[in-house]
Amino acid sequence: IDVRGIVTGKNFGSMLTVQNGTGPNSAIFIQSGTNGTVNNWNVGDSVQITRATVGEPFNTTNLYNILGSVVSSGNPLPPFETNLPMDSFILNKIAFARPYEGVLMRFDSVKVYSTDPDVAPGFGEFSILPQNSTATLGLRIDDLSANFKNWNKSVKAGMLMGFIQGPM
């Protein structure tokens, strides 16, 4: 294979995100593997993947067992996707949401809906809605990022946020 892109996120558990351009189907989740190829990849690295195994944990496409290399470092990230309808992601409308897996997204003017939206409490996620929404189901924000751990303990239901951004 020949998959190229910019590393846009790192330290999501054992995952990275790589994105090539903008729009749907421009990003993929990468699992750091035992071979160590991706362990030293950093945000802003332009990378080339020449071998991988595809998996679908939690219905999200991931590449495993990567063989690849860093082409260059210090590259700018692709622009964040904005102005997309949050409700399509909240309702997990596969035809709409699936192509945006791993793509850098930004939602402006949001409010925290729930600080623990999971059936099993303590999973470390919280959910958001547009600030003026009266919906009863929010978009989950995961805390897999090492820089984002335990934010669900810092936010309060109803709290307003100017924006939230990261890989979808």
C-alpha atoms as a PDB file:
ATOM      1  CA  ILE A   1       0.000   0.000   0.000  1.00  0.00           C
ATOM      2  CA  ASP A   2       0.987   3.632  -0.217  1.00  0.00           C
ATOM      3  CA  VAL A   3      -0.837   5.706   2.415  1.00  0.00           C
ATOM      4  CA  ARG A   4       0.557   9.161   3.145  1.00  0.00           C
ATOM      5  CA  GLY A   5      -0.489  11.881   5.514  1.00  0.00           C
ATOM      6  CA  ILE A   6       0.326  14.122   8.437  1.00  0.00           C
ATOM      7  CA  VAL A   7       0.200  12.814  12.006  1.00  0.00           C
ATOM      8  CA  THR A   8      -2.571  14.960  13.527  1.00  0.00           C
ATOM      9  CA  GLY A   9      -2.949  13.335  16.933  1.00  0.00           C
ATOM     10  CA  LYS A  10      -0.954  11.161  19.298  1.00  0.00           C
ATOM     11  CA  ASN A  11      -1.389   9.518  22.693  1.00  0.00           C
ATOM     12  CA  PHE A  12      -5.019   8.485  22.257  1.00  0.00           C
ATOM     13  CA  GLY A  13      -4.430   5.376  24.309  1.00  0.00           C
ATOM     14  CA  SER A  14      -2.268   3.405  21.896  1.00  0.00           C
ATOM     15  CA  MET A  15      -3.555   5.260  18.816  1.00  0.00           C
ATOM     16  CA  LEU A  16      -2.441   8.026  16.497  1.00  0.00           C
ATOM     17  CA  THR A  17      -4.374   9.769  13.747  1.00  0.00           C
ATOM     18  CA  VAL A  18      -3.006  10.409  10.275  1.00  0.00           C
ATOM     19  CA  GLN A  19      -4.765  12.717   7.817  1.00  0.00           C
ATOM     20  CA  ASN A  20      -4.136  13.497   4.149  1.00  0.00           C
ATOM     21  CA  GLY A  21      -5.948  16.649   3.058  1.00  0.00           C
ATOM     22  CA  THR A  22      -9.438  17.581   4.229  1.00  0.00           C
ATOM     23  CA  GLY A  23     -12.980  16.325   3.997  1.00  0.00           C
ATOM     24  CA  PRO A  24     -14.489  12.874   4.314  1.00  0.00           C
ATOM     25  CA  ASN A  25     -12.252   9.796   4.129  1.00  0.00           C
ATOM     26  CA  SER A  26      -9.089  11.837   4.630  1.00  0.00           C
ATOM     27  CA  ALA A  27      -7.961  10.316   7.957  1.00  0.00           C
ATOM     28  CA  ILE A  28      -7.313   6.969   9.642  1.00  0.00           C
ATOM     29  CA  PHE A  29      -6.572   5.706  13.140  1.00  0.00           C
ATOM     30  CA  ILE A  30      -3.195   4.013  13.575  1.00  0.00           C
ATOM     31  CA  GLN A  31      -2.468   1.552  16.381  1.00  0.00           C
ATOM     32  CA  SER A  32       1.069   1.711  17.688  1.00  0.00           C
ATOM     33  CA  GLY A  33       2.426  -1.771  17.346  1.00  0.00           C
ATOM     34  CA  THR A  34       4.950  -4.122  18.761  1.00  0.00           C
ATOM     35  CA  ASN A  35       7.309  -3.502  15.836  1.00  0.00           C
ATOM     36  CA  GLY A  36       7.811   0.093  17.052  1.00  0.00           C
ATOM     37  CA  THR A  37       7.513   1.719  13.614  1.00  0.00           C
ATOM     38  CA  VAL A  38       5.023   4.386  14.716  1.00  0.00           C
ATOM     39  CA  ASN A  39       6.140   4.793  18.336  1.00  0.00           C
ATOM     40  CA  ASN A  40       8.401   7.731  17.472  1.00  0.00           C
ATOM     41  CA  TRP A  41       6.012   9.445  15.046  1.00  0.00           C
ATOM     42  CA  ASN A  42       4.957  12.900  16.246  1.00  0.00           C
ATOM     43  CA  VAL A  43       2.235  15.398  15.460  1.00  0.00           C
ATOM     44  CA  GLY A  44       3.306  17.266  12.326  1.00  0.00           C
ATOM     45  CA  ASP A  45       5.291  14.379  10.860  1.00  0.00           C
ATOM     46  CA  SER A  46       4.551  13.591   7.226  1.00  0.00           C
ATOM     47  CA  VAL A  47       4.500   9.791   7.046  1.00  0.00           C
ATOM     48  CA  GLN A  48       4.284   7.067   4.429  1.00  0.00           C
ATOM     49  CA  ILE A  49       2.728   3.692   5.302  1.00  0.00           C
ATOM     50  CA  THR A  50       3.707   0.812   3.031  1.00  0.00           C
ATOM     51  CA  ARG A  51       2.229  -2.137   4.944  1.00  0.00           C
ATOM     52  CA  ALA A  52      -0.613  -2.504   7.440  1.00  0.00           C
ATOM     53  CA  THR A  53      -3.328  -4.803   8.700  1.00  0.00           C
ATOM     54  CA  VAL A  54      -6.864  -3.380   8.827  1.00  0.00           C
ATOM     55  CA  GLY A  55      -9.085  -3.898  11.878  1.00  0.00           C
ATOM     56  CA  GLU A  56     -12.483  -2.628  13.036  1.00  0.00           C
ATOM     57  CA  PRO A  57     -12.543  -2.396  16.854  1.00  0.00           C
ATOM     58  CA  PHE A  58     -15.685  -0.636  18.107  1.00  0.00           C
ATOM     59  CA  ASN A  59     -16.721  -0.206  14.429  1.00  0.00           C
ATOM     60  CA  THR A  60     -13.849   2.211  13.791  1.00  0.00           C
ATOM     61  CA  THR A  61     -11.309   1.490  11.043  1.00  0.00           C
ATOM     62  CA  ASN A  62      -7.761   1.117  12.394  1.00  0.00           C
ATOM     63  CA  LEU A  63      -4.437   0.168  10.833  1.00  0.00           C
ATOM     64  CA  TYR A  64      -2.191  -2.247  12.779  1.00  0.00           C
ATOM     65  CA  ASN A  65       1.237  -3.811  12.248  1.00  0.00           C
ATOM     66  CA  ILE A  66       2.450  -0.746  10.402  1.00  0.00           C
ATOM     67  CA  LEU A  67       5.509  -0.607   8.219  1.00  0.00           C
ATOM     68  CA  GLY A  68       6.224   2.989   7.316  1.00  0.00           C
ATOM     69  CA  SER A  69       8.542   5.911   7.683  1.00  0.00           C
ATOM     70  CA  VAL A  70       8.676   9.613   8.446  1.00  0.00           C
ATOM     71  CA  VAL A  71       9.126  11.633   5.255  1.00  0.00           C
ATOM     72  CA  SER A  72       9.498  15.026   6.973  1.00  0.00           C
ATOM     73  CA  SER A  73       8.753  16.696  10.318  1.00  0.00           C
ATOM     74  CA  GLY A  74       7.280  19.991  11.495  1.00  0.00           C
ATOM     75  CA  ASN A  75       4.526  20.132   8.875  1.00  0.00           C
ATOM     76  CA  PRO A  76       1.354  22.190   9.426  1.00  0.00           C
ATOM     77  CA  LEU A  77      -1.812  20.294  10.280  1.00  0.00           C
ATOM     78  CA  PRO A  78      -4.731  20.241   7.862  1.00  0.00           C
ATOM     79  CA  PRO A  79      -7.452  22.749   8.725  1.00  0.00           C
ATOM     80  CA  PHE A  80     -10.197  21.603  11.095  1.00  0.00           C
ATOM     81  CA  GLU A  81     -13.540  20.705   9.508  1.00  0.00           C
ATOM     82  CA  THR A  82     -16.189  23.122  10.764  1.00  0.00           C
ATOM     83  CA  ASN A  83     -19.886  23.827  10.295  1.00  0.00           C
ATOM     84  CA  LEU A  84     -20.880  20.171  10.028  1.00  0.00           C
ATOM     85  CA  PRO A  85     -24.202  19.142  11.623  1.00  0.00           C
ATOM     86  CA  MET A  86     -23.447  17.753  15.067  1.00  0.00           C
ATOM     87  CA  ASP A  87     -26.745  15.817  15.128  1.00  0.00           C
ATOM     88  CA  SER A  88     -25.556  13.436  12.396  1.00  0.00           C
ATOM     89  CA  PHE A  89     -22.577  12.516  14.558  1.00  0.00           C
ATOM     90  CA  ILE A  90     -24.673  12.298  17.733  1.00  0.00           C
ATOM     91  CA  LEU A  91     -27.094   9.887  16.075  1.00  0.00           C
ATOM     92  CA  ASN A  92     -24.162   7.970  14.540  1.00  0.00           C
ATOM     93  CA  LYS A  93     -25.619   8.207  11.062  1.00  0.00           C
ATOM     94  CA  ILE A  94     -23.058   5.861   9.556  1.00  0.00           C
ATOM     95  CA  ALA A  95     -23.297   7.171   5.990  1.00  0.00           C
ATOM     96  CA  PHE A  96     -22.466  10.642   7.295  1.00  0.00           C
ATOM     97  CA  ALA A  97     -20.304  10.066  10.375  1.00  0.00           C
ATOM     98  CA  ARG A  98     -18.133   7.129   9.295  1.00  0.00           C
ATOM     99  CA  PRO A  99     -16.237   9.029   6.552  1.00  0.00           C
ATOM    100  CA  TYR A 100     -15.108  11.552   9.196  1.00  0.00           C
ATOM    101  CA  GLU A 101     -13.398   9.005  11.497  1.00  0.00           C
ATOM    102  CA  GLY A 102     -10.098  10.515  12.642  1.00  0.00           C
ATOM    103  CA  VAL A 103     -10.628  13.764  10.682  1.00  0.00           C
ATOM    104  CA  LEU A 104      -9.764  16.960  12.573  1.00  0.00           C
ATOM    105  CA  MET A 105     -13.103  18.509  13.598  1.00  0.00           C
ATOM    106  CA  ARG A 106     -14.106  21.685  15.413  1.00  0.00           C
ATOM    107  CA  PHE A 107     -17.491  22.508  16.884  1.00  0.00           C
ATOM    108  CA  ASP A 108     -18.033  26.105  18.003  1.00  0.00           C
ATOM    109  CA  SER A 109     -20.377  27.382  20.733  1.00  0.00           C
ATOM    110  CA  VAL A 110     -21.150  24.156  22.575  1.00  0.00           C
ATOM    111  CA  LYS A 111     -22.427  23.277  26.027  1.00  0.00           C
ATOM    112  CA  VAL A 112     -21.742  20.259  28.181  1.00  0.00           C
ATOM    113  CA  TYR A 113     -24.802  18.038  28.225  1.00  0.00           C
ATOM    114  CA  SER A 114     -23.629  15.188  30.451  1.00  0.00           C
ATOM    115  CA  THR A 115     -20.485  14.545  32.492  1.00  0.00           C
ATOM    116  CA  ASP A 116     -20.932  10.749  32.344  1.00  0.00           C
ATOM    117  CA  PRO A 117     -23.023   9.660  29.330  1.00  0.00           C
ATOM    118  CA  ASP A 118     -22.112   5.974  29.535  1.00  0.00           C
ATOM    119  CA  VAL A 119     -24.346   3.195  30.750  1.00  0.00           C
ATOM    120  CA  ALA A 120     -21.411   1.967  32.831  1.00  0.00           C
ATOM    121  CA  PRO A 121     -20.397   4.993  34.939  1.00  0.00           C
ATOM    122  CA  GLY A 122     -16.817   6.175  35.211  1.00  0.00           C
ATOM    123  CA  PHE A 123     -15.751   5.566  31.611  1.00  0.00           C
ATOM    124  CA  GLY A 124     -14.279   9.082  31.450  1.00  0.00           C
ATOM    125  CA  GLU A 125     -16.317  10.645  28.670  1.00  0.00           C
ATOM    126  CA  PHE A 126     -18.616  13.646  28.611  1.00  0.00           C
ATOM    127  CA  SER A 127     -21.101  14.813  25.993  1.00  0.00           C
ATOM    128  CA  ILE A 128     -21.808  18.136  24.307  1.00  0.00           C
ATOM    129  CA  LEU A 129     -24.577  19.835  22.331  1.00  0.00           C
ATOM    130  CA  PRO A 130     -24.800  23.099  20.403  1.00  0.00           C
ATOM    131  CA  GLN A 131     -25.371  25.886  22.956  1.00  0.00           C
ATOM    132  CA  ASN A 132     -28.975  26.556  21.901  1.00  0.00           C
ATOM    133  CA  SER A 133     -29.989  22.901  21.501  1.00  0.00           C
ATOM    134  CA  THR A 134     -32.787  21.283  23.469  1.00  0.00           C
ATOM    135  CA  ALA A 135     -31.854  17.761  22.327  1.00  0.00           C
ATOM    136  CA  THR A 136     -31.685  14.951  24.873  1.00  0.00           C
ATOM    137  CA  LEU A 137     -28.640  13.147  23.495  1.00  0.00           C
ATOM    138  CA  GLY A 138     -25.164  14.667  23.194  1.00  0.00           C
ATOM    139  CA  LEU A 139     -22.014  14.037  21.167  1.00  0.00           C
ATOM    140  CA  ARG A 140     -19.560  12.017  23.252  1.00  0.00           C
ATOM    141  CA  ILE A 141     -16.138  13.457  23.860  1.00  0.00           C
ATOM    142  CA  ASP A 142     -13.668  10.726  24.741  1.00  0.00           C
ATOM    143  CA  ASP A 143     -10.749  11.157  27.107  1.00  0.00           C
ATOM    144  CA  LEU A 144      -8.306   8.864  25.317  1.00  0.00           C
ATOM    145  CA  SER A 145      -5.827  11.690  24.799  1.00  0.00           C
ATOM    146  CA  ALA A 146      -3.156  11.850  27.486  1.00  0.00           C
ATOM    147  CA  ASN A 147      -3.634  15.644  27.411  1.00  0.00           C
ATOM    148  CA  PHE A 148      -7.376  15.323  28.023  1.00  0.00           C
ATOM    149  CA  LYS A 149      -7.589  12.750  30.823  1.00  0.00           C
ATOM    150  CA  ASN A 150     -10.265  13.258  33.453  1.00  0.00           C
ATOM    151  CA  TRP A 151     -11.796  16.338  31.822  1.00  0.00           C
ATOM    152  CA  ASN A 152     -15.184  14.814  32.541  1.00  0.00           C
ATOM    153  CA  LYS A 153     -14.379  15.584  36.194  1.00  0.00           C
ATOM    154  CA  SER A 154     -13.619  19.247  35.373  1.00  0.00           C
ATOM    155  CA  VAL A 155     -16.692  20.068  33.301  1.00  0.00           C
ATOM    156  CA  LYS A 156     -20.214  20.577  34.618  1.00  0.00           C
ATOM    157  CA  ALA A 157     -23.542  19.961  32.873  1.00  0.00           C
ATOM    158  CA  GLY A 158     -24.676  23.205  31.240  1.00  0.00           C
ATOM    159  CA  MET A 159     -21.130  24.617  31.064  1.00  0.00           C
ATOM    160  CA  LEU A 160     -20.593  26.698  27.902  1.00  0.00           C
ATOM    161  CA  MET A 161     -17.488  26.229  25.776  1.00  0.00           C
ATOM    162  CA  GLY A 162     -16.370  28.504  22.942  1.00  0.00           C
ATOM    163  CA  PHE A 163     -15.293  25.447  20.957  1.00  0.00           C
ATOM    164  CA  ILE A 164     -14.052  21.878  21.161  1.00  0.00           C
ATOM    165  CA  GLN A 165     -11.753  20.326  18.567  1.00  0.00           C
ATOM    166  CA  GLY A 166      -9.793  17.208  17.805  1.00  0.00           C
ATOM    167  CA  PRO A 167      -9.936  14.042  15.714  1.00  0.00           C
ATOM    168  CA  MET A 168     -13.504  12.721  15.294  1.00  0.00           C
END
